Amino acid sequence: GFQSAQFRELEFKLGLKNPAFLEYHKDIPDASARLKAA
């Protein structure tokens, strides 16, 4: 569950922005793009 991209995206969009979590999705293009945008 640590790999849930949507949960990280929600955190980012609420205001909990930790760039370190991008690392866990770097090999999944769509998730990585959404997280970077958030």
PDB file of all heavy atoms in Angstrom:
ATOM      1  N   GLY A   1       0.816  -1.208   0.000  1.00  0.00           N
ATOM      2  CA  GLY A   1       0.000   0.000   0.000  1.00  0.00           C
ATOM      3  C   GLY A   1       0.847   1.254   0.000  1.00  0.00           C
ATOM      4  O   GLY A   1       0.388   2.328  -0.417  1.00  0.00           O
ATOM      5  N   PHE A   2       2.092   1.140   0.444  1.00  0.00           N
ATOM      6  CA  PHE A   2       3.039   2.253   0.418  1.00  0.00           C
ATOM      7  C   PHE A   2       3.223   2.783  -1.007  1.00  0.00           C
ATOM      8  O   PHE A   2       3.601   3.929  -1.210  1.00  0.00           O
ATOM      9  CB  PHE A   2       4.381   1.763   0.977  1.00  0.00           C
ATOM     10  CG  PHE A   2       5.391   2.851   1.249  1.00  0.00           C
ATOM     11  CD1 PHE A   2       5.300   3.623   2.395  1.00  0.00           C
ATOM     12  CD2 PHE A   2       6.436   3.092   0.370  1.00  0.00           C
ATOM     13  CE1 PHE A   2       6.227   4.624   2.665  1.00  0.00           C
ATOM     14  CE2 PHE A   2       7.358   4.087   0.622  1.00  0.00           C
ATOM     15  CZ  PHE A   2       7.257   4.849   1.782  1.00  0.00           C
ATOM     16  N   GLN A   3       2.928   1.934  -1.987  1.00  0.00           N
ATOM     17  CA  GLN A   3       3.115   2.285  -3.392  1.00  0.00           C
ATOM     18  C   GLN A   3       1.893   2.967  -4.005  1.00  0.00           C
ATOM     19  O   GLN A   3       1.885   3.234  -5.214  1.00  0.00           O
ATOM     20  CB  GLN A   3       3.451   1.017  -4.197  1.00  0.00           C
ATOM     21  CG  GLN A   3       4.722   0.315  -3.742  1.00  0.00           C
ATOM     22  CD  GLN A   3       4.791  -1.138  -4.198  1.00  0.00           C
ATOM     23  OE1 GLN A   3       3.809  -1.707  -4.675  1.00  0.00           O
ATOM     24  NE2 GLN A   3       5.959  -1.744  -4.031  1.00  0.00           N
ATOM     25  N   SER A   4       0.874   3.261  -3.234  1.00  0.00           N
ATOM     26  CA  SER A   4      -0.332   3.885  -3.785  1.00  0.00           C
ATOM     27  C   SER A   4      -0.026   5.297  -4.281  1.00  0.00           C
ATOM     28  O   SER A   4       0.164   6.224  -3.491  1.00  0.00           O
ATOM     29  CB  SER A   4      -1.438   3.949  -2.731  1.00  0.00           C
ATOM     30  OG  SER A   4      -2.527   4.716  -3.216  1.00  0.00           O
ATOM     31  N   ALA A   5       0.004   5.453  -5.595  1.00  0.00           N
ATOM     32  CA  ALA A   5       0.291   6.771  -6.175  1.00  0.00           C
ATOM     33  C   ALA A   5      -0.830   7.761  -5.880  1.00  0.00           C
ATOM     34  O   ALA A   5      -0.580   8.955  -5.689  1.00  0.00           O
ATOM     35  CB  ALA A   5       0.489   6.637  -7.683  1.00  0.00           C
ATOM     36  N   GLN A   6      -2.064   7.272  -5.842  1.00  0.00           N
ATOM     37  CA  GLN A   6      -3.188   8.182  -5.589  1.00  0.00           C
ATOM     38  C   GLN A   6      -3.127   8.750  -4.172  1.00  0.00           C
ATOM     39  O   GLN A   6      -3.476   9.915  -3.951  1.00  0.00           O
ATOM     40  CB  GLN A   6      -4.515   7.463  -5.805  1.00  0.00           C
ATOM     41  CG  GLN A   6      -4.872   7.235  -7.260  1.00  0.00           C
ATOM     42  CD  GLN A   6      -6.356   6.984  -7.436  1.00  0.00           C
ATOM     43  OE1 GLN A   6      -7.042   7.709  -8.154  1.00  0.00           O
ATOM     44  NE2 GLN A   6      -6.868   5.941  -6.801  1.00  0.00           N
ATOM     45  N   PHE A   7      -2.695   7.933  -3.196  1.00  0.00           N
ATOM     46  CA  PHE A   7      -2.596   8.446  -1.834  1.00  0.00           C
ATOM     47  C   PHE A   7      -1.538   9.536  -1.750  1.00  0.00           C
ATOM     48  O   PHE A   7      -1.748  10.577  -1.110  1.00  0.00           O
ATOM     49  CB  PHE A   7      -2.278   7.318  -0.846  1.00  0.00           C
ATOM     50  CG  PHE A   7      -2.236   7.798   0.582  1.00  0.00           C
ATOM     51  CD1 PHE A   7      -3.410   8.087   1.258  1.00  0.00           C
ATOM     52  CD2 PHE A   7      -1.031   7.977   1.241  1.00  0.00           C
ATOM     53  CE1 PHE A   7      -3.387   8.555   2.569  1.00  0.00           C
ATOM     54  CE2 PHE A   7      -0.992   8.445   2.553  1.00  0.00           C
ATOM     55  CZ  PHE A   7      -2.170   8.734   3.215  1.00  0.00           C
ATOM     56  N   ARG A   8      -0.402   9.330  -2.412  1.00  0.00           N
ATOM     57  CA  ARG A   8       0.644  10.359  -2.421  1.00  0.00           C
ATOM     58  C   ARG A   8       0.163  11.613  -3.148  1.00  0.00           C
ATOM     59  O   ARG A   8       0.441  12.741  -2.731  1.00  0.00           O
ATOM     60  CB  ARG A   8       1.912   9.828  -3.085  1.00  0.00           C
ATOM     61  CG  ARG A   8       2.567   8.699  -2.356  1.00  0.00           C
ATOM     62  CD  ARG A   8       2.874   9.042  -0.915  1.00  0.00           C
ATOM     63  NE  ARG A   8       3.322   7.863  -0.187  1.00  0.00           N
ATOM     64  CZ  ARG A   8       3.334   7.770   1.129  1.00  0.00           C
ATOM     65  NH1 ARG A   8       2.907   8.770   1.887  1.00  0.00           N
ATOM     66  NH2 ARG A   8       3.758   6.655   1.703  1.00  0.00           N
ATOM     67  N   GLU A   9      -0.577  11.415  -4.221  1.00  0.00           N
ATOM     68  CA  GLU A   9      -1.101  12.560  -4.961  1.00  0.00           C
ATOM     69  C   GLU A   9      -2.054  13.361  -4.086  1.00  0.00           C
ATOM     70  O   GLU A   9      -2.037  14.602  -4.084  1.00  0.00           O
ATOM     71  CB  GLU A   9      -1.811  12.079  -6.229  1.00  0.00           C
ATOM     72  CG  GLU A   9      -2.265  13.219  -7.133  1.00  0.00           C
ATOM     73  CD  GLU A   9      -2.956  12.733  -8.396  1.00  0.00           C
ATOM     74  OE1 GLU A   9      -3.060  11.504  -8.614  1.00  0.00           O
ATOM     75  OE2 GLU A   9      -3.406  13.602  -9.181  1.00  0.00           O
ATOM     76  N   LEU A  10      -2.884  12.674  -3.308  1.00  0.00           N
ATOM     77  CA  LEU A  10      -3.799  13.365  -2.410  1.00  0.00           C
ATOM     78  C   LEU A  10      -3.016  14.154  -1.359  1.00  0.00           C
ATOM     79  O   LEU A  10      -3.342  15.307  -1.077  1.00  0.00           O
ATOM     80  CB  LEU A  10      -4.739  12.370  -1.733  1.00  0.00           C
ATOM     81  CG  LEU A  10      -5.744  12.985  -0.752  1.00  0.00           C
ATOM     82  CD1 LEU A  10      -6.728  13.887  -1.482  1.00  0.00           C
ATOM     83  CD2 LEU A  10      -6.487  11.902   0.025  1.00  0.00           C
ATOM     84  N   GLU A  11      -2.004  13.528  -0.770  1.00  0.00           N
ATOM     85  CA  GLU A  11      -1.180  14.244   0.197  1.00  0.00           C
ATOM     86  C   GLU A  11      -0.598  15.508  -0.418  1.00  0.00           C
ATOM     87  O   GLU A  11      -0.635  16.589   0.187  1.00  0.00           O
ATOM     88  CB  GLU A  11      -0.046  13.359   0.719  1.00  0.00           C
ATOM     89  CG  GLU A  11      -0.463  12.314   1.728  1.00  0.00           C
ATOM     90  CD  GLU A  11       0.722  11.684   2.428  1.00  0.00           C
ATOM     91  OE1 GLU A  11       1.765  11.471   1.763  1.00  0.00           O
ATOM     92  OE2 GLU A  11       0.625  11.394   3.633  1.00  0.00           O
ATOM     93  N   PHE A  12      -0.039  15.383  -1.611  1.00  0.00           N
ATOM     94  CA  PHE A  12       0.558  16.543  -2.289  1.00  0.00           C
ATOM     95  C   PHE A  12      -0.491  17.638  -2.504  1.00  0.00           C
ATOM     96  O   PHE A  12      -0.228  18.826  -2.293  1.00  0.00           O
ATOM     97  CB  PHE A  12       1.136  16.141  -3.642  1.00  0.00           C
ATOM     98  CG  PHE A  12       2.418  15.342  -3.579  1.00  0.00           C
ATOM     99  CD1 PHE A  12       2.997  14.980  -2.371  1.00  0.00           C
ATOM    100  CD2 PHE A  12       3.046  14.940  -4.748  1.00  0.00           C
ATOM    101  CE1 PHE A  12       4.176  14.248  -2.324  1.00  0.00           C
ATOM    102  CE2 PHE A  12       4.230  14.216  -4.721  1.00  0.00           C
ATOM    103  CZ  PHE A  12       4.791  13.861  -3.512  1.00  0.00           C
ATOM    104  N   LYS A  13      -1.680  17.236  -2.941  1.00  0.00           N
ATOM    105  CA  LYS A  13      -2.713  18.231  -3.263  1.00  0.00           C
ATOM    106  C   LYS A  13      -3.321  18.871  -2.015  1.00  0.00           C
ATOM    107  O   LYS A  13      -3.858  19.969  -2.088  1.00  0.00           O
ATOM    108  CB  LYS A  13      -3.796  17.609  -4.144  1.00  0.00           C
ATOM    109  CG  LYS A  13      -3.306  17.357  -5.572  1.00  0.00           C
ATOM    110  CD  LYS A  13      -4.414  16.930  -6.510  1.00  0.00           C
ATOM    111  CE  LYS A  13      -3.886  16.849  -7.943  1.00  0.00           C
ATOM    112  NZ  LYS A  13      -4.942  16.547  -8.917  1.00  0.00           N
ATOM    113  N   LEU A  14      -3.216  18.190  -0.890  1.00  0.00           N
ATOM    114  CA  LEU A  14      -3.652  18.805   0.358  1.00  0.00           C
ATOM    115  C   LEU A  14      -2.606  19.784   0.867  1.00  0.00           C
ATOM    116  O   LEU A  14      -2.944  20.804   1.469  1.00  0.00           O
ATOM    117  CB  LEU A  14      -3.928  17.738   1.418  1.00  0.00           C
ATOM    118  CG  LEU A  14      -5.148  16.853   1.193  1.00  0.00           C
ATOM    119  CD1 LEU A  14      -5.258  15.812   2.299  1.00  0.00           C
ATOM    120  CD2 LEU A  14      -6.434  17.688   1.110  1.00  0.00           C
ATOM    121  N   GLY A  15      -1.339  19.476   0.633  1.00  0.00           N
ATOM    122  CA  GLY A  15      -0.270  20.361   1.091  1.00  0.00           C
ATOM    123  C   GLY A  15       0.907  19.650   1.698  1.00  0.00           C
ATOM    124  O   GLY A  15       1.918  20.276   2.045  1.00  0.00           O
ATOM    125  N   LEU A  16       0.825  18.329   1.836  1.00  0.00           N
ATOM    126  CA  LEU A  16       1.930  17.534   2.367  1.00  0.00           C
ATOM    127  C   LEU A  16       2.836  17.131   1.203  1.00  0.00           C
ATOM    128  O   LEU A  16       2.696  16.055   0.624  1.00  0.00           O
ATOM    129  CB  LEU A  16       1.389  16.290   3.080  1.00  0.00           C
ATOM    130  CG  LEU A  16       0.767  16.535   4.453  1.00  0.00           C
ATOM    131  CD1 LEU A  16      -0.089  15.348   4.871  1.00  0.00           C
ATOM    132  CD2 LEU A  16       1.846  16.804   5.486  1.00  0.00           C
ATOM    133  N   LYS A  17       3.743  18.021   0.854  1.00  0.00           N
ATOM    134  CA  LYS A  17       4.580  17.822  -0.332  1.00  0.00           C
ATOM    135  C   LYS A  17       5.973  17.344   0.070  1.00  0.00           C
ATOM    136  O   LYS A  17       6.778  18.118   0.576  1.00  0.00           O
ATOM    137  CB  LYS A  17       4.661  19.112  -1.141  1.00  0.00           C
ATOM    138  CG  LYS A  17       3.331  19.534  -1.749  1.00  0.00           C
ATOM    139  CD  LYS A  17       3.487  20.738  -2.665  1.00  0.00           C
ATOM    140  CE  LYS A  17       2.197  21.085  -3.380  1.00  0.00           C
ATOM    141  NZ  LYS A  17       2.356  22.201  -4.338  1.00  0.00           N
ATOM    142  N   ASN A  18       6.226  16.086  -0.176  1.00  0.00           N
ATOM    143  CA  ASN A  18       7.535  15.497   0.092  1.00  0.00           C
ATOM    144  C   ASN A  18       8.075  14.913  -1.206  1.00  0.00           C
ATOM    145  O   ASN A  18       7.651  13.830  -1.621  1.00  0.00           O
ATOM    146  CB  ASN A  18       7.420  14.411   1.166  1.00  0.00           C
ATOM    147  CG  ASN A  18       8.774  13.840   1.551  1.00  0.00           C
ATOM    148  OD1 ASN A  18       9.780  14.090   0.889  1.00  0.00           O
ATOM    149  ND2 ASN A  18       8.809  13.073   2.625  1.00  0.00           N
ATOM    150  N   PRO A  19       9.019  15.607  -1.857  1.00  0.00           N
ATOM    151  CA  PRO A  19       9.535  15.140  -3.157  1.00  0.00           C
ATOM    152  C   PRO A  19      10.154  13.758  -3.101  1.00  0.00           C
ATOM    153  O   PRO A  19      10.257  13.088  -4.132  1.00  0.00           O
ATOM    154  CB  PRO A  19      10.597  16.198  -3.507  1.00  0.00           C
ATOM    155  CG  PRO A  19      10.256  17.392  -2.683  1.00  0.00           C
ATOM    156  CD  PRO A  19       9.646  16.865  -1.429  1.00  0.00           C
ATOM    157  N   ALA A  20      10.562  13.314  -1.922  1.00  0.00           N
ATOM    158  CA  ALA A  20      11.201  12.005  -1.804  1.00  0.00           C
ATOM    159  C   ALA A  20      10.291  10.882  -2.288  1.00  0.00           C
ATOM    160  O   ALA A  20      10.766   9.846  -2.775  1.00  0.00           O
ATOM    161  CB  ALA A  20      11.611  11.753  -0.352  1.00  0.00           C
ATOM    162  N   PHE A  21       8.982  11.079  -2.194  1.00  0.00           N
ATOM    163  CA  PHE A  21       8.053  10.030  -2.587  1.00  0.00           C
ATOM    164  C   PHE A  21       7.983   9.851  -4.111  1.00  0.00           C
ATOM    165  O   PHE A  21       7.446   8.845  -4.585  1.00  0.00           O
ATOM    166  CB  PHE A  21       6.657  10.295  -2.024  1.00  0.00           C
ATOM    167  CG  PHE A  21       6.555  10.030  -0.546  1.00  0.00           C
ATOM    168  CD1 PHE A  21       6.241  11.044   0.336  1.00  0.00           C
ATOM    169  CD2 PHE A  21       6.781   8.760  -0.047  1.00  0.00           C
ATOM    170  CE1 PHE A  21       6.158  10.806   1.702  1.00  0.00           C
ATOM    171  CE2 PHE A  21       6.695   8.501   1.315  1.00  0.00           C
ATOM    172  CZ  PHE A  21       6.393   9.528   2.197  1.00  0.00           C
ATOM    173  N   LEU A  22       8.526  10.794  -4.863  1.00  0.00           N
ATOM    174  CA  LEU A  22       8.564  10.624  -6.320  1.00  0.00           C
ATOM    175  C   LEU A  22       9.405   9.422  -6.710  1.00  0.00           C
ATOM    176  O   LEU A  22       9.156   8.773  -7.732  1.00  0.00           O
ATOM    177  CB  LEU A  22       9.140  11.879  -6.991  1.00  0.00           C
ATOM    178  CG  LEU A  22       8.326  13.165  -6.885  1.00  0.00           C
ATOM    179  CD1 LEU A  22       9.098  14.318  -7.530  1.00  0.00           C
ATOM    180  CD2 LEU A  22       6.973  13.002  -7.564  1.00  0.00           C
ATOM    181  N   GLU A  23      10.397   9.124  -5.896  1.00  0.00           N
ATOM    182  CA  GLU A  23      11.329   8.038  -6.187  1.00  0.00           C
ATOM    183  C   GLU A  23      10.613   6.695  -6.329  1.00  0.00           C
ATOM    184  O   GLU A  23      11.000   5.856  -7.153  1.00  0.00           O
ATOM    185  CB  GLU A  23      12.361   7.954  -5.055  1.00  0.00           C
ATOM    186  CG  GLU A  23      13.392   6.854  -5.193  1.00  0.00           C
ATOM    187  CD  GLU A  23      14.380   7.081  -6.343  1.00  0.00           C
ATOM    188  OE1 GLU A  23      14.482   8.233  -6.813  1.00  0.00           O
ATOM    189  OE2 GLU A  23      15.016   6.103  -6.771  1.00  0.00           O
ATOM    190  N   TYR A  24       9.541   6.508  -5.564  1.00  0.00           N
ATOM    191  CA  TYR A  24       8.867   5.215  -5.555  1.00  0.00           C
ATOM    192  C   TYR A  24       8.013   4.986  -6.800  1.00  0.00           C
ATOM    193  O   TYR A  24       7.506   3.878  -7.007  1.00  0.00           O
ATOM    194  CB  TYR A  24       8.004   5.087  -4.298  1.00  0.00           C
ATOM    195  CG  TYR A  24       8.817   5.149  -3.028  1.00  0.00           C
ATOM    196  CD1 TYR A  24       8.974   6.344  -2.332  1.00  0.00           C
ATOM    197  CD2 TYR A  24       9.466   4.020  -2.546  1.00  0.00           C
ATOM    198  CE1 TYR A  24       9.741   6.409  -1.166  1.00  0.00           C
ATOM    199  CE2 TYR A  24      10.239   4.072  -1.391  1.00  0.00           C
ATOM    200  CZ  TYR A  24      10.369   5.271  -0.711  1.00  0.00           C
ATOM    201  OH  TYR A  24      11.138   5.329   0.430  1.00  0.00           O
ATOM    202  N   HIS A  25       7.852   6.005  -7.612  1.00  0.00           N
ATOM    203  CA  HIS A  25       6.988   5.883  -8.802  1.00  0.00           C
ATOM    204  C   HIS A  25       7.715   6.286 -10.087  1.00  0.00           C
ATOM    205  O   HIS A  25       7.073   6.454 -11.121  1.00  0.00           O
ATOM    206  CB  HIS A  25       5.729   6.739  -8.610  1.00  0.00           C
ATOM    207  CG  HIS A  25       4.975   6.409  -7.368  1.00  0.00           C
ATOM    208  ND1 HIS A  25       4.100   5.356  -7.277  1.00  0.00           N
ATOM    209  CD2 HIS A  25       4.990   6.972  -6.130  1.00  0.00           C
ATOM    210  CE1 HIS A  25       3.603   5.286  -6.057  1.00  0.00           C
ATOM    211  NE2 HIS A  25       4.127   6.252  -5.343  1.00  0.00           N
ATOM    212  N   LYS A  26       9.031   6.435 -10.004  1.00  0.00           N
ATOM    213  CA  LYS A  26       9.788   6.953 -11.144  1.00  0.00           C
ATOM    214  C   LYS A  26       9.723   6.043 -12.372  1.00  0.00           C
ATOM    215  O   LYS A  26       9.904   6.501 -13.504  1.00  0.00           O
ATOM    216  CB  LYS A  26      11.241   7.179 -10.743  1.00  0.00           C
ATOM    217  CG  LYS A  26      12.004   5.911 -10.361  1.00  0.00           C
ATOM    218  CD  LYS A  26      13.431   6.221  -9.951  1.00  0.00           C
ATOM    219  CE  LYS A  26      14.186   4.940  -9.593  1.00  0.00           C
ATOM    220  NZ  LYS A  26      15.581   5.237  -9.187  1.00  0.00           N
ATOM    221  N   ASP A  27       9.468   4.754 -12.150  1.00  0.00           N
ATOM    222  CA  ASP A  27       9.424   3.816 -13.276  1.00  0.00           C
ATOM    223  C   ASP A  27       8.014   3.589 -13.806  1.00  0.00           C
ATOM    224  O   ASP A  27       7.794   2.712 -14.644  1.00  0.00           O
ATOM    225  CB  ASP A  27      10.037   2.473 -12.849  1.00  0.00           C
ATOM    226  CG  ASP A  27      11.509   2.602 -12.481  1.00  0.00           C
ATOM    227  OD1 ASP A  27      12.196   3.430 -13.108  1.00  0.00           O
ATOM    228  OD2 ASP A  27      11.952   1.898 -11.553  1.00  0.00           O
ATOM    229  N   ILE A  28       7.048   4.365 -13.291  1.00  0.00           N
ATOM    230  CA  ILE A  28       5.663   4.259 -13.765  1.00  0.00           C
ATOM    231  C   ILE A  28       5.298   5.614 -14.366  1.00  0.00           C
ATOM    232  O   ILE A  28       4.931   6.550 -13.630  1.00  0.00           O
ATOM    233  CB  ILE A  28       4.706   3.900 -12.612  1.00  0.00           C
ATOM    234  CG1 ILE A  28       5.223   2.674 -11.854  1.00  0.00           C
ATOM    235  CG2 ILE A  28       3.292   3.649 -13.133  1.00  0.00           C
ATOM    236  CD1 ILE A  28       4.449   2.354 -10.595  1.00  0.00           C
ATOM    237  N   PRO A  29       5.431   5.783 -15.679  1.00  0.00           N
ATOM    238  CA  PRO A  29       5.319   7.108 -16.313  1.00  0.00           C
ATOM    239  C   PRO A  29       4.070   7.901 -15.953  1.00  0.00           C
ATOM    240  O   PRO A  29       4.159   9.078 -15.611  1.00  0.00           O
ATOM    241  CB  PRO A  29       5.358   6.776 -17.814  1.00  0.00           C
ATOM    242  CG  PRO A  29       6.144   5.506 -17.887  1.00  0.00           C
ATOM    243  CD  PRO A  29       5.756   4.732 -16.660  1.00  0.00           C
ATOM    244  N   ASP A  30       2.899   7.269 -15.999  1.00  0.00           N
ATOM    245  CA  ASP A  30       1.671   8.012 -15.733  1.00  0.00           C
ATOM    246  C   ASP A  30       1.618   8.487 -14.277  1.00  0.00           C
ATOM    247  O   ASP A  30       1.317   9.649 -13.999  1.00  0.00           O
ATOM    248  CB  ASP A  30       0.448   7.142 -16.038  1.00  0.00           C
ATOM    249  CG  ASP A  30      -0.855   7.885 -15.787  1.00  0.00           C
ATOM    250  OD1 ASP A  30      -1.088   8.919 -16.453  1.00  0.00           O
ATOM    251  OD2 ASP A  30      -1.636   7.449 -14.921  1.00  0.00           O
ATOM    252  N   ALA A  31       1.933   7.582 -13.359  1.00  0.00           N
ATOM    253  CA  ALA A  31       1.918   7.946 -11.936  1.00  0.00           C
ATOM    254  C   ALA A  31       2.960   9.013 -11.648  1.00  0.00           C
ATOM    255  O   ALA A  31       2.705   9.967 -10.904  1.00  0.00           O
ATOM    256  CB  ALA A  31       2.166   6.709 -11.077  1.00  0.00           C
ATOM    257  N   SER A  32       4.139   8.865 -12.235  1.00  0.00           N
ATOM    258  CA  SER A  32       5.208   9.837 -12.015  1.00  0.00           C
ATOM    259  C   SER A  32       4.797  11.219 -12.504  1.00  0.00           C
ATOM    260  O   SER A  32       5.030  12.230 -11.824  1.00  0.00           O
ATOM    261  CB  SER A  32       6.478   9.371 -12.738  1.00  0.00           C
ATOM    262  OG  SER A  32       7.530  10.283 -12.557  1.00  0.00           O
ATOM    263  N   ALA A  33       4.165  11.270 -13.668  1.00  0.00           N
ATOM    264  CA  ALA A  33       3.740  12.559 -14.237  1.00  0.00           C
ATOM    265  C   ALA A  33       2.673  13.211 -13.364  1.00  0.00           C
ATOM    266  O   ALA A  33       2.707  14.430 -13.123  1.00  0.00           O
ATOM    267  CB  ALA A  33       3.211  12.351 -15.653  1.00  0.00           C
ATOM    268  N   ARG A  34       1.735  12.426 -12.885  1.00  0.00           N
ATOM    269  CA  ARG A  34       0.669  12.972 -12.031  1.00  0.00           C
ATOM    270  C   ARG A  34       1.234  13.503 -10.715  1.00  0.00           C
ATOM    271  O   ARG A  34       0.826  14.566 -10.231  1.00  0.00           O
ATOM    272  CB  ARG A  34      -0.393  11.908 -11.763  1.00  0.00           C
ATOM    273  CG  ARG A  34      -1.293  11.590 -12.953  1.00  0.00           C
ATOM    274  CD  ARG A  34      -2.310  10.510 -12.590  1.00  0.00           C
ATOM    275  NE  ARG A  34      -3.222  10.958 -11.550  1.00  0.00           N
ATOM    276  CZ  ARG A  34      -4.414  11.504 -11.769  1.00  0.00           C
ATOM    277  NH1 ARG A  34      -4.823  11.687 -13.015  1.00  0.00           N
ATOM    278  NH2 ARG A  34      -5.187  11.873 -10.762  1.00  0.00           N
ATOM    279  N   LEU A  35       2.163  12.754 -10.141  1.00  0.00           N
ATOM    280  CA  LEU A  35       2.744  13.176  -8.873  1.00  0.00           C
ATOM    281  C   LEU A  35       3.588  14.440  -9.039  1.00  0.00           C
ATOM    282  O   LEU A  35       3.553  15.344  -8.190  1.00  0.00           O
ATOM    283  CB  LEU A  35       3.580  12.047  -8.274  1.00  0.00           C
ATOM    284  CG  LEU A  35       2.766  10.902  -7.674  1.00  0.00           C
ATOM    285  CD1 LEU A  35       3.678   9.753  -7.263  1.00  0.00           C
ATOM    286  CD2 LEU A  35       1.954  11.366  -6.482  1.00  0.00           C
ATOM    287  N   LYS A  36       4.336  14.522 -10.121  1.00  0.00           N
ATOM    288  CA  LYS A  36       5.126  15.734 -10.370  1.00  0.00           C
ATOM    289  C   LYS A  36       4.219  16.943 -10.559  1.00  0.00           C
ATOM    290  O   LYS A  36       4.508  18.034 -10.063  1.00  0.00           O
ATOM    291  CB  LYS A  36       6.007  15.534 -11.607  1.00  0.00           C
ATOM    292  CG  LYS A  36       7.211  14.634 -11.365  1.00  0.00           C
ATOM    293  CD  LYS A  36       8.052  14.459 -12.628  1.00  0.00           C
ATOM    294  CE  LYS A  36       9.236  13.542 -12.378  1.00  0.00           C
ATOM    295  NZ  LYS A  36      10.015  13.291 -13.624  1.00  0.00           N
ATOM    296  N   ALA A  37       3.122  16.740 -11.271  1.00  0.00           N
ATOM    297  CA  ALA A  37       2.169  17.838 -11.487  1.00  0.00           C
ATOM    298  C   ALA A  37       1.558  18.279 -10.160  1.00  0.00           C
ATOM    299  O   ALA A  37       1.391  19.478  -9.907  1.00  0.00           O
ATOM    300  CB  ALA A  37       1.078  17.401 -12.459  1.00  0.00           C
ATOM    301  N   ALA A  38       1.234  17.312  -9.302  1.00  0.00           N
ATOM    302  CA  ALA A  38       0.655  17.646  -7.995  1.00  0.00           C
ATOM    303  C   ALA A  38       1.679  18.337  -7.102  1.00  0.00           C
ATOM    304  O   ALA A  38       1.344  19.262  -6.347  1.00  0.00           O
ATOM    305  CB  ALA A  38       0.137  16.385  -7.317  1.00  0.00           C
TER     306      ALA A  38
END
